[in-house]
Amino acid sequence: MKRWMVVNPSKFGLYWTVRQSNDSSQVGPARGSINMAEDGDIEFSVAEDRRYTKEHLWLQVIDRDEDEDGNVQTSVKVGVSEYVAAVWGEFIRVTLPNLSALDGFDEGEEKSQEKSGLEGELAAEDILVTLRTADDVVLLDSPFPCGILELNGEVEDSPDLVNSEAYGDGWLMIVRPHEYEEDHFLSPQEYIEFLAESL
């Protein structure tokens, strides 16, 4: 029977390292990278300063602005949890949304894009990212309707960033959700508990 164990937080208190193990005696000190052992153990980190979806995306609020009408606009950086690479294996290709195919994108309306700052729109459950391993294709949907502010093209050029820097340079995009309620998403502890219950 596989068990999930929180090994301990990193010395900086930013990540929890979690290990799924066939044998509880395999628990060791926290490490910052994924360890795929031959005995079926997997190890990955969960960043503390983010929220998580049940589809294994992480969400980090990077900016909140209030417009003149009192509406709060939230900018959220989105990435993939280290759990995804730990389970599916190394990603060899990352495909972000094609902006020219999205609603809200019109090459002839540059001025309106500059005014809004949005590159395109995603509806809830539109494909946010396609991740390819040597054997599988993983499709992850948008957790909410949102406007895209920025895509991280570096992950398409260097997919290994999603494997090795999931919570750093491996982020996918910055979006502006139409509505963002942090409580609708999982805290790091709730995410770890969700993983434990789902296996």
N, C-alpha and C. Protein backbone atom coordinates (compact mmCIF):
# COMPACT_ATOMS: atom_id res chain seq x y z
N MET A 1 0.84 -1.18 0.00
CA MET A 1 0.00 0.00 0.00
C MET A 1 0.88 1.25 0.00
N LYS A 2 0.57 2.17 -0.89
CA LYS A 2 1.35 3.40 -0.96
C LYS A 2 0.85 4.39 0.07
N ARG A 3 1.79 5.15 0.65
CA ARG A 3 1.45 6.14 1.66
C ARG A 3 2.09 7.47 1.27
N TRP A 4 1.41 8.55 1.61
CA TRP A 4 1.96 9.89 1.40
C TRP A 4 2.48 10.40 2.72
N MET A 5 3.65 10.94 2.71
CA MET A 5 4.22 11.49 3.93
C MET A 5 4.80 12.85 3.64
N VAL A 6 4.50 13.80 4.48
CA VAL A 6 5.18 15.09 4.38
C VAL A 6 6.50 14.91 5.10
N VAL A 7 7.59 15.06 4.38
CA VAL A 7 8.90 14.83 4.97
C VAL A 7 9.24 15.98 5.90
N ASN A 8 9.33 17.19 5.40
CA ASN A 8 9.47 18.40 6.20
C ASN A 8 9.60 19.60 5.28
N PRO A 9 9.37 20.79 5.81
CA PRO A 9 9.51 21.96 4.96
C PRO A 9 10.98 22.26 4.71
N SER A 10 11.25 22.95 3.62
CA SER A 10 12.63 23.36 3.35
C SER A 10 13.08 24.35 4.41
N LYS A 11 14.37 24.59 4.48
CA LYS A 11 14.89 25.48 5.51
C LYS A 11 14.38 26.90 5.34
N PHE A 12 13.91 27.26 4.16
CA PHE A 12 13.38 28.60 3.93
C PHE A 12 11.87 28.66 4.15
N GLY A 13 11.23 27.53 4.41
CA GLY A 13 9.81 27.51 4.68
C GLY A 13 8.94 27.78 3.46
N LEU A 14 9.49 27.62 2.26
CA LEU A 14 8.72 27.91 1.04
C LEU A 14 8.12 26.67 0.40
N TYR A 15 8.69 25.51 0.67
CA TYR A 15 8.23 24.28 0.02
C TYR A 15 8.06 23.17 1.05
N TRP A 16 7.09 22.31 0.77
CA TRP A 16 6.96 21.06 1.51
C TRP A 16 7.41 19.97 0.57
N THR A 17 8.24 19.05 1.04
CA THR A 17 8.62 17.92 0.22
C THR A 17 7.75 16.74 0.64
N VAL A 18 7.17 16.08 -0.34
CA VAL A 18 6.23 15.00 -0.09
C VAL A 18 6.76 13.75 -0.77
N ARG A 19 6.62 12.63 -0.12
CA ARG A 19 7.09 11.38 -0.72
C ARG A 19 5.96 10.36 -0.69
N GLN A 20 5.74 9.72 -1.82
CA GLN A 20 4.83 8.58 -1.87
C GLN A 20 5.71 7.35 -1.81
N SER A 21 5.43 6.46 -0.89
CA SER A 21 6.35 5.37 -0.66
C SER A 21 5.62 4.07 -0.40
N ASN A 22 6.25 2.99 -0.81
CA ASN A 22 5.75 1.66 -0.47
C ASN A 22 6.19 1.28 0.94
N ASP A 23 7.20 1.98 1.44
CA ASP A 23 7.80 1.61 2.72
C ASP A 23 8.09 2.89 3.50
N SER A 24 7.44 3.05 4.65
CA SER A 24 7.59 4.28 5.40
C SER A 24 9.02 4.47 5.92
N SER A 25 9.84 3.41 5.92
CA SER A 25 11.21 3.57 6.37
C SER A 25 12.07 4.29 5.33
N GLN A 26 11.52 4.55 4.14
CA GLN A 26 12.25 5.23 3.09
C GLN A 26 12.30 6.74 3.26
N VAL A 27 11.61 7.26 4.28
CA VAL A 27 11.56 8.70 4.46
C VAL A 27 12.94 9.24 4.78
N GLY A 28 13.33 10.31 4.10
CA GLY A 28 14.63 10.93 4.32
C GLY A 28 14.46 12.42 4.45
N PRO A 29 15.55 13.15 4.45
CA PRO A 29 15.46 14.60 4.57
C PRO A 29 14.83 15.23 3.34
N ALA A 30 14.29 16.43 3.51
CA ALA A 30 13.66 17.14 2.40
C ALA A 30 14.69 17.45 1.34
N ARG A 31 14.27 17.34 0.09
CA ARG A 31 15.12 17.70 -1.02
C ARG A 31 14.35 18.62 -1.93
N GLY A 32 15.05 19.44 -2.68
CA GLY A 32 14.39 20.41 -3.54
C GLY A 32 14.06 19.88 -4.92
N SER A 33 14.39 18.63 -5.22
CA SER A 33 14.13 18.12 -6.56
C SER A 33 13.34 16.82 -6.48
N ILE A 34 12.83 16.43 -7.62
CA ILE A 34 12.05 15.19 -7.70
C ILE A 34 13.01 14.00 -7.73
N ASN A 35 12.71 12.98 -6.97
CA ASN A 35 13.54 11.80 -6.94
C ASN A 35 12.69 10.61 -7.36
N MET A 36 12.98 10.03 -8.50
CA MET A 36 12.25 8.86 -8.96
C MET A 36 13.11 7.63 -8.66
N ALA A 37 12.77 6.90 -7.64
CA ALA A 37 13.55 5.74 -7.25
C ALA A 37 13.02 4.49 -7.95
N GLU A 38 13.87 3.49 -8.07
CA GLU A 38 13.48 2.26 -8.76
C GLU A 38 12.41 1.49 -8.00
N ASP A 39 12.29 1.70 -6.71
CA ASP A 39 11.31 0.94 -5.92
C ASP A 39 9.90 1.52 -5.99
N GLY A 40 9.68 2.51 -6.87
CA GLY A 40 8.34 3.07 -7.04
C GLY A 40 8.06 4.30 -6.21
N ASP A 41 9.02 4.71 -5.39
CA ASP A 41 8.82 5.93 -4.61
C ASP A 41 8.89 7.14 -5.52
N ILE A 42 8.08 8.12 -5.21
CA ILE A 42 8.21 9.40 -5.90
C ILE A 42 8.29 10.50 -4.86
N GLU A 43 9.00 11.55 -5.22
CA GLU A 43 9.16 12.67 -4.30
C GLU A 43 8.99 13.95 -5.10
N PHE A 44 8.28 14.90 -4.51
CA PHE A 44 8.06 16.18 -5.18
C PHE A 44 7.81 17.23 -4.12
N SER A 45 7.89 18.49 -4.53
CA SER A 45 7.68 19.59 -3.60
C SER A 45 6.35 20.27 -3.87
N VAL A 46 5.82 20.90 -2.84
CA VAL A 46 4.60 21.70 -2.93
C VAL A 46 4.95 23.07 -2.37
N ALA A 47 4.87 24.10 -3.20
CA ALA A 47 5.22 25.46 -2.76
C ALA A 47 4.15 25.99 -1.82
N GLU A 48 4.57 26.67 -0.77
CA GLU A 48 3.64 27.17 0.24
C GLU A 48 2.91 28.44 -0.15
N ASP A 49 3.48 29.24 -1.02
CA ASP A 49 2.91 30.56 -1.30
C ASP A 49 1.95 30.56 -2.49
N ARG A 50 1.28 29.43 -2.71
CA ARG A 50 0.37 29.30 -3.85
C ARG A 50 -0.89 28.56 -3.46
N ARG A 51 -1.85 28.57 -4.36
CA ARG A 51 -3.04 27.74 -4.28
C ARG A 51 -2.94 26.70 -5.37
N TYR A 52 -3.74 25.63 -5.26
CA TYR A 52 -3.66 24.52 -6.21
C TYR A 52 -5.05 24.13 -6.69
N THR A 53 -5.09 23.57 -7.90
CA THR A 53 -6.33 23.02 -8.41
C THR A 53 -6.25 21.50 -8.32
N LYS A 54 -7.39 20.85 -8.44
CA LYS A 54 -7.41 19.39 -8.43
C LYS A 54 -6.84 18.82 -9.72
N GLU A 55 -6.59 19.67 -10.69
CA GLU A 55 -5.97 19.26 -11.95
C GLU A 55 -4.45 19.49 -11.90
N HIS A 56 -3.93 19.83 -10.72
CA HIS A 56 -2.49 19.95 -10.46
C HIS A 56 -1.84 21.20 -11.05
N LEU A 57 -2.61 22.26 -11.18
CA LEU A 57 -2.04 23.56 -11.52
C LEU A 57 -1.79 24.32 -10.23
N TRP A 58 -0.76 25.16 -10.22
CA TRP A 58 -0.58 26.07 -9.09
C TRP A 58 -0.94 27.48 -9.54
N LEU A 59 -1.43 28.27 -8.60
CA LEU A 59 -1.89 29.63 -8.85
C LEU A 59 -1.24 30.55 -7.83
N GLN A 60 -0.58 31.61 -8.30
CA GLN A 60 0.08 32.54 -7.41
C GLN A 60 -0.35 33.96 -7.76
N VAL A 61 -1.02 34.62 -6.82
CA VAL A 61 -1.44 36.00 -7.04
C VAL A 61 -0.18 36.87 -7.04
N ILE A 62 0.00 37.63 -8.13
CA ILE A 62 1.18 38.49 -8.21
C ILE A 62 0.82 39.97 -8.18
N ASP A 63 -0.48 40.28 -8.38
CA ASP A 63 -0.88 41.69 -8.37
C ASP A 63 -2.39 41.79 -8.19
N ARG A 64 -2.79 42.80 -7.41
CA ARG A 64 -4.22 43.12 -7.27
C ARG A 64 -4.37 44.62 -7.46
N ASP A 65 -5.19 45.01 -8.41
CA ASP A 65 -5.45 46.44 -8.68
C ASP A 65 -6.93 46.71 -8.58
N GLU A 66 -7.26 47.87 -8.09
CA GLU A 66 -8.65 48.29 -8.06
C GLU A 66 -8.82 49.40 -9.09
N ASP A 67 -9.81 49.23 -9.98
CA ASP A 67 -10.05 50.27 -11.00
C ASP A 67 -10.91 51.39 -10.41
N GLU A 68 -11.18 52.41 -11.23
CA GLU A 68 -11.92 53.58 -10.75
C GLU A 68 -13.35 53.26 -10.32
N ASP A 69 -13.89 52.12 -10.79
CA ASP A 69 -15.23 51.71 -10.40
C ASP A 69 -15.25 50.85 -9.13
N GLY A 70 -14.05 50.59 -8.57
CA GLY A 70 -13.97 49.78 -7.36
C GLY A 70 -13.86 48.29 -7.62
N ASN A 71 -13.75 47.89 -8.88
CA ASN A 71 -13.59 46.48 -9.22
C ASN A 71 -12.14 46.06 -9.01
N VAL A 72 -11.94 44.94 -8.36
CA VAL A 72 -10.59 44.44 -8.12
C VAL A 72 -10.21 43.51 -9.28
N GLN A 73 -9.07 43.80 -9.87
CA GLN A 73 -8.53 42.95 -10.93
C GLN A 73 -7.29 42.26 -10.39
N THR A 74 -7.29 40.94 -10.50
CA THR A 74 -6.21 40.13 -9.95
C THR A 74 -5.39 39.54 -11.08
N SER A 75 -4.07 39.64 -10.99
CA SER A 75 -3.17 38.97 -11.93
C SER A 75 -2.63 37.73 -11.24
N VAL A 76 -2.73 36.60 -11.94
CA VAL A 76 -2.35 35.31 -11.35
C VAL A 76 -1.36 34.61 -12.26
N LYS A 77 -0.23 34.21 -11.68
CA LYS A 77 0.75 33.39 -12.41
C LYS A 77 0.30 31.94 -12.27
N VAL A 78 0.37 31.20 -13.36
CA VAL A 78 -0.11 29.81 -13.39
C VAL A 78 1.03 28.89 -13.81
N GLY A 79 1.13 27.76 -13.13
CA GLY A 79 2.13 26.75 -13.48
C GLY A 79 1.61 25.37 -13.15
N VAL A 80 2.47 24.38 -13.31
CA VAL A 80 2.12 22.99 -13.09
C VAL A 80 2.83 22.49 -11.84
N SER A 81 2.11 21.79 -10.98
CA SER A 81 2.69 21.22 -9.77
C SER A 81 3.78 20.20 -10.13
N GLU A 82 4.80 20.10 -9.28
CA GLU A 82 5.85 19.09 -9.49
C GLU A 82 5.27 17.68 -9.49
N TYR A 83 4.11 17.50 -8.89
CA TYR A 83 3.46 16.18 -8.86
C TYR A 83 3.24 15.64 -10.27
N VAL A 84 2.90 16.50 -11.21
CA VAL A 84 2.59 16.05 -12.58
C VAL A 84 3.81 15.40 -13.21
N ALA A 85 4.97 16.04 -13.14
CA ALA A 85 6.18 15.46 -13.71
C ALA A 85 6.61 14.20 -12.94
N ALA A 86 6.39 14.19 -11.63
CA ALA A 86 6.75 13.03 -10.82
C ALA A 86 5.94 11.80 -11.22
N VAL A 87 4.68 12.01 -11.61
CA VAL A 87 3.80 10.88 -11.95
C VAL A 87 3.89 10.51 -13.43
N TRP A 88 3.85 11.51 -14.32
CA TRP A 88 3.82 11.21 -15.76
C TRP A 88 5.21 11.09 -16.37
N GLY A 89 6.21 11.58 -15.71
CA GLY A 89 7.57 11.50 -16.25
C GLY A 89 7.99 12.82 -16.87
N GLU A 90 9.18 12.83 -17.42
CA GLU A 90 9.77 14.05 -17.95
C GLU A 90 9.01 14.56 -19.18
N PHE A 91 8.74 15.86 -19.19
CA PHE A 91 8.05 16.46 -20.32
C PHE A 91 9.05 16.81 -21.40
N ILE A 92 8.74 16.42 -22.61
CA ILE A 92 9.63 16.70 -23.74
C ILE A 92 9.06 17.79 -24.65
N ARG A 93 7.79 18.14 -24.44
CA ARG A 93 7.18 19.21 -25.22
C ARG A 93 6.08 19.88 -24.40
N VAL A 94 6.05 21.20 -24.45
CA VAL A 94 5.02 21.99 -23.79
C VAL A 94 4.37 22.88 -24.85
N THR A 95 3.04 22.84 -24.94
CA THR A 95 2.33 23.67 -25.91
C THR A 95 1.34 24.55 -25.17
N LEU A 96 1.56 25.86 -25.28
CA LEU A 96 0.67 26.85 -24.69
C LEU A 96 -0.41 27.23 -25.70
N PRO A 97 -1.45 27.94 -25.28
CA PRO A 97 -2.52 28.30 -26.22
C PRO A 97 -2.00 29.14 -27.39
N ASN A 98 -2.58 28.90 -28.55
CA ASN A 98 -2.28 29.69 -29.74
C ASN A 98 -3.12 30.97 -29.63
N LEU A 99 -2.47 32.07 -29.34
CA LEU A 99 -3.19 33.31 -29.09
C LEU A 99 -4.06 33.75 -30.25
N SER A 100 -3.60 33.54 -31.47
CA SER A 100 -4.37 34.00 -32.63
C SER A 100 -5.66 33.20 -32.81
N ALA A 101 -5.75 32.03 -32.16
CA ALA A 101 -6.96 31.21 -32.27
C ALA A 101 -7.95 31.47 -31.12
N LEU A 102 -7.56 32.32 -30.17
CA LEU A 102 -8.41 32.56 -29.00
C LEU A 102 -9.37 33.70 -29.23
N ASP A 103 -10.50 33.65 -28.51
CA ASP A 103 -11.43 34.78 -28.50
C ASP A 103 -10.71 35.98 -27.93
N GLY A 104 -11.04 37.13 -28.42
CA GLY A 104 -10.46 38.36 -27.89
C GLY A 104 -9.19 38.78 -28.59
N PHE A 105 -8.66 37.93 -29.50
CA PHE A 105 -7.45 38.30 -30.22
C PHE A 105 -7.83 38.71 -31.62
N ASP A 106 -7.43 39.90 -31.99
CA ASP A 106 -7.69 40.41 -33.33
C ASP A 106 -6.50 41.25 -33.75
N GLU A 107 -5.73 40.76 -34.74
CA GLU A 107 -4.52 41.46 -35.16
C GLU A 107 -4.82 42.89 -35.61
N GLY A 108 -6.02 43.13 -36.10
CA GLY A 108 -6.37 44.46 -36.60
C GLY A 108 -6.76 45.43 -35.50
N GLU A 109 -6.80 44.97 -34.27
CA GLU A 109 -7.22 45.85 -33.16
C GLU A 109 -6.13 45.96 -32.11
N GLU A 110 -4.93 46.35 -32.54
CA GLU A 110 -3.81 46.49 -31.61
C GLU A 110 -4.11 47.48 -30.50
N LYS A 111 -4.81 48.56 -30.82
CA LYS A 111 -5.08 49.59 -29.81
C LYS A 111 -5.94 49.04 -28.68
N SER A 112 -6.93 48.20 -29.02
CA SER A 112 -7.78 47.66 -27.96
C SER A 112 -7.00 46.69 -27.09
N GLN A 113 -6.05 45.94 -27.67
CA GLN A 113 -5.22 45.04 -26.87
C GLN A 113 -4.32 45.84 -25.94
N GLU A 114 -3.74 46.94 -26.46
CA GLU A 114 -2.88 47.75 -25.62
C GLU A 114 -3.65 48.33 -24.45
N LYS A 115 -4.88 48.73 -24.69
CA LYS A 115 -5.70 49.32 -23.64
C LYS A 115 -6.03 48.28 -22.56
N SER A 116 -6.45 47.09 -22.98
CA SER A 116 -6.84 46.07 -22.01
C SER A 116 -5.64 45.32 -21.44
N GLY A 117 -4.56 45.25 -22.22
CA GLY A 117 -3.38 44.50 -21.79
C GLY A 117 -3.53 43.01 -21.99
N LEU A 118 -4.64 42.55 -22.54
CA LEU A 118 -4.90 41.12 -22.70
C LEU A 118 -4.46 40.65 -24.08
N GLU A 119 -3.90 39.45 -24.10
CA GLU A 119 -3.47 38.84 -25.35
C GLU A 119 -4.56 37.97 -25.96
N GLY A 120 -5.49 37.50 -25.17
CA GLY A 120 -6.55 36.62 -25.61
C GLY A 120 -7.36 36.16 -24.41
N GLU A 121 -8.43 35.43 -24.67
CA GLU A 121 -9.33 34.97 -23.60
C GLU A 121 -9.41 33.45 -23.59
N LEU A 122 -9.48 32.89 -22.38
CA LEU A 122 -9.74 31.47 -22.19
C LEU A 122 -11.03 31.32 -21.41
N ALA A 123 -11.89 30.41 -21.85
CA ALA A 123 -13.08 30.07 -21.07
C ALA A 123 -12.70 28.99 -20.06
N ALA A 124 -13.50 28.84 -19.03
CA ALA A 124 -13.28 27.75 -18.08
C ALA A 124 -13.32 26.45 -18.87
N GLU A 125 -12.39 25.58 -18.61
CA GLU A 125 -12.26 24.27 -19.24
C GLU A 125 -11.72 24.32 -20.66
N ASP A 126 -11.30 25.49 -21.17
CA ASP A 126 -10.49 25.51 -22.39
C ASP A 126 -9.13 24.91 -22.05
N ILE A 127 -8.45 24.33 -23.03
CA ILE A 127 -7.14 23.75 -22.76
C ILE A 127 -6.14 24.87 -22.47
N LEU A 128 -5.56 24.80 -21.29
CA LEU A 128 -4.58 25.79 -20.85
C LEU A 128 -3.18 25.42 -21.33
N VAL A 129 -2.85 24.14 -21.26
CA VAL A 129 -1.52 23.68 -21.66
C VAL A 129 -1.60 22.21 -22.06
N THR A 130 -0.78 21.85 -23.04
CA THR A 130 -0.61 20.45 -23.43
C THR A 130 0.82 20.06 -23.10
N LEU A 131 0.97 19.00 -22.32
CA LEU A 131 2.28 18.51 -21.91
C LEU A 131 2.49 17.14 -22.52
N ARG A 132 3.63 16.94 -23.17
CA ARG A 132 3.92 15.64 -23.79
C ARG A 132 5.13 15.00 -23.14
N THR A 133 4.98 13.71 -22.82
CA THR A 133 6.11 12.90 -22.39
C THR A 133 6.44 11.98 -23.56
N ALA A 134 7.39 11.10 -23.39
CA ALA A 134 7.72 10.15 -24.45
C ALA A 134 6.54 9.23 -24.75
N ASP A 135 5.67 8.98 -23.75
CA ASP A 135 4.58 8.02 -23.92
C ASP A 135 3.18 8.60 -23.81
N ASP A 136 3.03 9.77 -23.21
CA ASP A 136 1.70 10.29 -22.90
C ASP A 136 1.53 11.74 -23.32
N VAL A 137 0.26 12.13 -23.42
CA VAL A 137 -0.10 13.53 -23.61
C VAL A 137 -0.99 13.91 -22.43
N VAL A 138 -0.65 14.99 -21.75
CA VAL A 138 -1.41 15.46 -20.60
C VAL A 138 -2.03 16.80 -20.97
N LEU A 139 -3.36 16.90 -20.94
CA LEU A 139 -4.07 18.14 -21.23
C LEU A 139 -4.60 18.70 -19.92
N LEU A 140 -4.27 19.95 -19.63
CA LEU A 140 -4.76 20.60 -18.41
C LEU A 140 -5.62 21.79 -18.81
N ASP A 141 -6.82 21.84 -18.24
CA ASP A 141 -7.80 22.87 -18.59
C ASP A 141 -7.66 24.10 -17.70
N SER A 142 -8.14 25.22 -18.21
CA SER A 142 -8.17 26.45 -17.44
C SER A 142 -9.15 26.28 -16.28
N PRO A 143 -8.77 26.67 -15.07
CA PRO A 143 -9.67 26.51 -13.92
C PRO A 143 -10.74 27.60 -13.84
N PHE A 144 -10.64 28.63 -14.69
CA PHE A 144 -11.60 29.74 -14.66
C PHE A 144 -11.52 30.50 -15.97
N PRO A 145 -12.58 31.25 -16.31
CA PRO A 145 -12.48 32.13 -17.48
C PRO A 145 -11.51 33.26 -17.15
N CYS A 146 -10.66 33.59 -18.12
CA CYS A 146 -9.63 34.60 -17.84
C CYS A 146 -9.10 35.21 -19.13
N GLY A 147 -8.48 36.35 -18.97
CA GLY A 147 -7.73 36.96 -20.05
C GLY A 147 -6.26 36.64 -19.85
N ILE A 148 -5.56 36.39 -20.94
CA ILE A 148 -4.13 36.09 -20.86
C ILE A 148 -3.35 37.40 -20.95
N LEU A 149 -2.51 37.64 -19.95
CA LEU A 149 -1.65 38.82 -19.93
C LEU A 149 -0.29 38.52 -20.56
N GLU A 150 0.22 37.31 -20.30
CA GLU A 150 1.56 36.97 -20.78
C GLU A 150 1.71 35.46 -20.84
N LEU A 151 2.34 34.97 -21.90
CA LEU A 151 2.72 33.56 -22.01
C LEU A 151 4.22 33.44 -21.79
N ASN A 152 4.64 32.38 -21.13
CA ASN A 152 6.07 32.12 -20.92
C ASN A 152 6.56 31.23 -22.06
N GLY A 153 6.97 31.84 -23.15
CA GLY A 153 7.44 31.09 -24.31
C GLY A 153 8.69 30.27 -24.04
N GLU A 154 9.40 30.59 -22.94
CA GLU A 154 10.60 29.83 -22.60
C GLU A 154 10.30 28.36 -22.36
N VAL A 155 9.10 28.05 -21.83
CA VAL A 155 8.78 26.64 -21.55
C VAL A 155 8.53 25.86 -22.84
N GLU A 156 8.10 26.55 -23.89
CA GLU A 156 7.94 25.86 -25.18
C GLU A 156 9.31 25.60 -25.80
N ASP A 157 10.22 26.56 -25.65
CA ASP A 157 11.58 26.38 -26.18
C ASP A 157 12.39 25.40 -25.35
N SER A 158 12.17 25.40 -24.04
CA SER A 158 12.93 24.54 -23.11
C SER A 158 11.97 23.84 -22.16
N PRO A 159 11.31 22.76 -22.62
CA PRO A 159 10.31 22.07 -21.77
C PRO A 159 10.88 21.58 -20.45
N ASP A 160 12.18 21.39 -20.38
CA ASP A 160 12.78 20.91 -19.14
C ASP A 160 12.55 21.87 -17.97
N LEU A 161 12.25 23.15 -18.27
CA LEU A 161 11.95 24.10 -17.20
C LEU A 161 10.74 23.65 -16.37
N VAL A 162 9.75 23.03 -17.02
CA VAL A 162 8.57 22.54 -16.31
C VAL A 162 8.94 21.37 -15.42
N ASN A 163 9.94 20.58 -15.84
CA ASN A 163 10.39 19.45 -15.04
C ASN A 163 11.25 19.89 -13.86
N SER A 164 12.20 20.78 -14.12
CA SER A 164 13.20 21.10 -13.11
C SER A 164 12.93 22.39 -12.33
N GLU A 165 12.11 23.29 -12.87
CA GLU A 165 11.86 24.59 -12.23
C GLU A 165 10.35 24.88 -12.19
N ALA A 166 9.57 23.88 -11.79
CA ALA A 166 8.10 24.01 -11.84
C ALA A 166 7.59 25.23 -11.10
N TYR A 167 8.20 25.58 -9.98
CA TYR A 167 7.73 26.71 -9.19
C TYR A 167 8.55 27.98 -9.44
N GLY A 168 9.49 27.90 -10.38
CA GLY A 168 10.33 29.04 -10.70
C GLY A 168 10.15 29.44 -12.16
N ASP A 169 11.20 29.27 -12.95
CA ASP A 169 11.18 29.67 -14.36
C ASP A 169 10.26 28.81 -15.23
N GLY A 170 9.73 27.73 -14.68
CA GLY A 170 8.85 26.85 -15.44
C GLY A 170 7.38 27.24 -15.41
N TRP A 171 7.05 28.47 -14.98
CA TRP A 171 5.66 28.94 -14.98
C TRP A 171 5.15 28.98 -16.43
N LEU A 172 3.83 28.91 -16.59
CA LEU A 172 3.23 28.83 -17.91
C LEU A 172 2.74 30.17 -18.44
N MET A 173 1.98 30.89 -17.63
CA MET A 173 1.38 32.14 -18.10
C MET A 173 0.92 32.99 -16.93
N ILE A 174 0.67 34.25 -17.24
CA ILE A 174 0.05 35.17 -16.28
C ILE A 174 -1.31 35.53 -16.85
N VAL A 175 -2.34 35.38 -16.03
CA VAL A 175 -3.72 35.59 -16.48
C VAL A 175 -4.43 36.58 -15.56
N ARG A 176 -5.53 37.10 -16.06
CA ARG A 176 -6.43 37.93 -15.25
C ARG A 176 -7.78 37.23 -15.22
N PRO A 177 -8.07 36.48 -14.14
CA PRO A 177 -9.37 35.80 -14.05
C PRO A 177 -10.50 36.82 -14.02
N HIS A 178 -11.64 36.45 -14.62
CA HIS A 178 -12.81 37.34 -14.56
C HIS A 178 -13.30 37.46 -13.13
N GLU A 179 -13.20 36.36 -12.38
CA GLU A 179 -13.48 36.37 -10.94
C GLU A 179 -12.47 35.42 -10.31
N TYR A 180 -11.84 35.87 -9.24
CA TYR A 180 -10.87 35.02 -8.56
C TYR A 180 -11.15 35.01 -7.07
N GLU A 181 -11.53 33.85 -6.57
CA GLU A 181 -11.75 33.65 -5.14
C GLU A 181 -10.72 32.63 -4.66
N GLU A 182 -9.75 33.09 -3.91
CA GLU A 182 -8.67 32.22 -3.47
C GLU A 182 -9.19 30.99 -2.72
N ASP A 183 -10.28 31.16 -1.97
CA ASP A 183 -10.83 30.06 -1.18
C ASP A 183 -11.42 28.94 -2.03
N HIS A 184 -11.63 29.18 -3.33
CA HIS A 184 -12.15 28.14 -4.21
C HIS A 184 -11.07 27.13 -4.60
N PHE A 185 -9.83 27.42 -4.23
CA PHE A 185 -8.72 26.55 -4.60
C PHE A 185 -8.06 26.01 -3.34
N LEU A 186 -7.23 24.99 -3.51
CA LEU A 186 -6.66 24.26 -2.38
C LEU A 186 -5.42 24.95 -1.84
N SER A 187 -5.33 25.02 -0.52
CA SER A 187 -4.10 25.47 0.13
C SER A 187 -3.06 24.36 -0.06
N PRO A 188 -1.78 24.62 0.20
CA PRO A 188 -0.78 23.54 0.08
C PRO A 188 -1.14 22.31 0.91
N GLN A 189 -1.57 22.52 2.15
CA GLN A 189 -1.93 21.38 2.99
C GLN A 189 -3.14 20.64 2.43
N GLU A 190 -4.14 21.38 1.97
CA GLU A 190 -5.32 20.74 1.37
C GLU A 190 -4.95 19.97 0.11
N TYR A 191 -4.01 20.50 -0.67
CA TYR A 191 -3.55 19.83 -1.88
C TYR A 191 -2.87 18.50 -1.54
N ILE A 192 -2.02 18.50 -0.52
CA ILE A 192 -1.36 17.26 -0.09
C ILE A 192 -2.41 16.26 0.38
N GLU A 193 -3.41 16.73 1.15
CA GLU A 193 -4.46 15.83 1.61
C GLU A 193 -5.28 15.29 0.43
N PHE A 194 -5.55 16.14 -0.57
CA PHE A 194 -6.27 15.71 -1.77
C PHE A 194 -5.50 14.60 -2.48
N LEU A 195 -4.19 14.75 -2.62
CA LEU A 195 -3.38 13.72 -3.27
C LEU A 195 -3.43 12.41 -2.48
N ALA A 196 -3.37 12.52 -1.17
CA ALA A 196 -3.42 11.33 -0.32
C ALA A 196 -4.74 10.59 -0.46
N GLU A 197 -5.85 11.34 -0.55
CA GLU A 197 -7.18 10.74 -0.66
C GLU A 197 -7.45 10.16 -2.04
N SER A 198 -6.82 10.74 -3.06
CA SER A 198 -7.16 10.32 -4.43
C SER A 198 -6.42 9.08 -4.89
N LEU A 199 -5.48 8.61 -4.08
CA LEU A 199 -4.74 7.40 -4.47
C LEU A 199 -5.13 6.21 -3.64
